[in-house]
Structures are given as structure tokens and as C-alpha cells.
C-alpha atoms as a PDB file:
ATOM      1  CA  MET A   1     205.770  67.964 176.854  1.00  0.00           C
ATOM      2  CA  ASN A   2     202.561  66.541 178.340  1.00  0.00           C
ATOM      3  CA  SER A   3     202.516  63.749 175.773  1.00  0.00           C
ATOM      4  CA  LEU A   4     205.956  62.605 176.959  1.00  0.00           C
ATOM      5  CA  LYS A   5     204.612  62.403 180.500  1.00  0.00           C
ATOM      6  CA  GLY A   6     201.669  60.262 179.357  1.00  0.00           C
ATOM      7  CA  LYS A   7     199.041  62.899 180.142  1.00  0.00           C
ATOM      8  CA  VAL A   8     197.426  63.031 176.693  1.00  0.00           C
ATOM      9  CA  GLY A   9     196.120  59.481 176.234  1.00  0.00           C
ATOM     10  CA  HIS A  10     195.846  56.359 178.347  1.00  0.00           C
ATOM     11  CA  TYR A  11     195.238  53.269 176.215  1.00  0.00           C
ATOM     12  CA  ASN A  12     194.129  49.981 177.779  1.00  0.00           C
ATOM     13  CA  LYS A  13     194.210  47.912 174.568  1.00  0.00           C
ATOM     14  CA  GLU A  14     195.647  47.909 171.049  1.00  0.00           C
ATOM     15  CA  VAL A  15     194.372  50.688 168.792  1.00  0.00           C
ATOM     16  CA  TYR A  16     194.701  50.790 164.987  1.00  0.00           C
ATOM     17  CA  THR A  17     193.710  53.625 162.683  1.00  0.00           C
ATOM     18  CA  TRP A  18     194.215  54.917 159.154  1.00  0.00           C
ATOM     19  CA  TYR A  19     194.964  58.572 158.505  1.00  0.00           C
ATOM     20  CA  LEU A  20     195.731  61.028 155.698  1.00  0.00           C
ATOM     21  CA  LYS A  21     198.452  63.644 156.032  1.00  0.00           C
ATOM     22  CA  ASN A  22     198.170  66.574 153.664  1.00  0.00           C
ATOM     23  CA  SER A  23     201.325  68.031 152.196  1.00  0.00           C
ATOM     24  CA  ILE A  24     202.025  71.358 150.464  1.00  0.00           C
ATOM     25  CA  ASN A  25     205.596  72.223 149.477  1.00  0.00           C
ATOM     26  CA  ILE A  26     207.366  74.998 147.607  1.00  0.00           C
ATOM     27  CA  GLN A  27     210.988  74.549 146.560  1.00  0.00           C
ATOM     28  CA  GLY A  28     213.174  76.857 144.583  1.00  0.00           C
ATOM     29  CA  VAL A  29     216.658  77.965 143.752  1.00  0.00           C
ATOM     30  CA  SER A  30     217.854  81.271 142.343  1.00  0.00           C
ATOM     31  CA  ASP A  31     221.052  83.114 141.581  1.00  0.00           C
ATOM     32  CA  VAL A  32     221.683  86.627 140.278  1.00  0.00           C
ATOM     33  CA  GLU A  33     224.052  85.442 137.520  1.00  0.00           C
ATOM     34  CA  SER A  34     222.906  81.994 136.396  1.00  0.00           C
ATOM     35  CA  ILE A  35     222.012  78.684 138.019  1.00  0.00           C
ATOM     36  CA  ILE A  36     224.331  76.776 135.674  1.00  0.00           C
ATOM     37  CA  PRO A  37     228.054  77.467 136.246  1.00  0.00           C
ATOM     38  CA  VAL A  38     229.584  79.870 133.712  1.00  0.00           C
ATOM     39  CA  GLN A  39     232.042  77.205 132.525  1.00  0.00           C
ATOM     40  CA  LEU A  40     229.144  75.011 131.349  1.00  0.00           C
ATOM     41  CA  THR A  41     227.106  77.686 129.550  1.00  0.00           C
ATOM     42  CA  ASP A  42     227.204  78.423 125.857  1.00  0.00           C
ATOM     43  CA  SER A  43     228.247  82.042 125.330  1.00  0.00           C
ATOM     44  CA  LEU A  44     226.490  82.205 121.935  1.00  0.00           C
ATOM     45  CA  THR A  45     222.989  81.530 123.300  1.00  0.00           C
ATOM     46  CA  THR A  46     220.995  82.658 126.318  1.00  0.00           C
ATOM     47  CA  LYS A  47     218.681  79.634 126.616  1.00  0.00           C
ATOM     48  CA  ASN A  48     220.668  78.113 129.505  1.00  0.00           C
ATOM     49  CA  ARG A  49     220.993  81.267 131.613  1.00  0.00           C
ATOM     50  CA  ALA A  50     217.956  80.769 133.862  1.00  0.00           C
ATOM     51  CA  THR A  51     218.228  82.640 137.147  1.00  0.00           C
ATOM     52  CA  THR A  52     215.317  80.977 138.994  1.00  0.00           C
ATOM     53  CA  ILE A  53     213.732  77.523 139.060  1.00  0.00           C
ATOM     54  CA  SER A  54     210.779  76.843 141.375  1.00  0.00           C
ATOM     55  CA  ALA A  55     208.334  74.007 142.008  1.00  0.00           C
ATOM     56  CA  PHE A  56     205.032  73.717 143.875  1.00  0.00           C
ATOM     57  CA  ASP A  57     203.543  70.371 144.874  1.00  0.00           C
ATOM     58  CA  PHE A  58     200.625  69.201 146.969  1.00  0.00           C
ATOM     59  CA  GLY A  59     199.132  65.874 147.889  1.00  0.00           C
ATOM     60  CA  SER A  60     197.907  63.480 150.555  1.00  0.00           C
ATOM     61  CA  ILE A  61     200.006  60.771 152.140  1.00  0.00           C
ATOM     62  CA  PRO A  62     198.132  57.779 153.607  1.00  0.00           C
ATOM     63  CA  GLY A  63     199.337  56.235 156.844  1.00  0.00           C
ATOM     64  CA  PHE A  64     198.595  53.603 159.460  1.00  0.00           C
ATOM     65  CA  ALA A  65     198.916  54.252 163.200  1.00  0.00           C
ATOM     66  CA  TYR A  66     199.240  51.606 165.907  1.00  0.00           C
ATOM     67  CA  VAL A  67     199.199  52.159 169.688  1.00  0.00           C
ATOM     68  CA  ASN A  68     199.674  49.459 172.312  1.00  0.00           C
ATOM     69  CA  ARG A  69     200.249  49.442 176.055  1.00  0.00           C
ATOM     70  CA  LYS A  70     202.703  46.935 177.563  1.00  0.00           C
ATOM     71  CA  ASN A  71     204.013  47.016 181.120  1.00  0.00           C
ATOM     72  CA  ASN A  72     202.727  50.576 181.609  1.00  0.00           C
ATOM     73  CA  TRP A  73     204.542  51.780 178.430  1.00  0.00           C
ATOM     74  CA  GLN A  74     202.657  52.923 175.379  1.00  0.00           C
END
């Protein structure tokens, strides 16, 4: 809440900076029966009866930040 009140930083001129934001994500879906609806599965084979699919990804996202102060607003 202090940042909304302007208590964190008081800039008197334009400021530019580059930054890196790290990202780590885990996504997944599971079902007790099967992920694919029963109407779309082949009853003669079990290769399309997966119950869980998961993914893990990580990386860095570059960014550019700009701060300026005009008429006492920043």
C-alpha cells in the first residue's frame, strides 16, 4: 500500500532500466478414467487412455522499465 501513496520512491527525472524476470511453471491435467472422452477412444487399444499429462517449464523473460515524474505524478 505504501507504493500507492508514493512512499517507496521519489523520482526527479526519467529513469530507464533493463531487467530479467525468472519464470518457473508446472501445469498438468488428470482424470481417474481418461483425459480423452470415452466416445473418442478406441476400445481395442489402450494407447489413448492416458490419465495424466504434465509439463514443467522454466526461463527468463527480458523487460524494459521506464519511470517518469510529471506534475507530481509518477
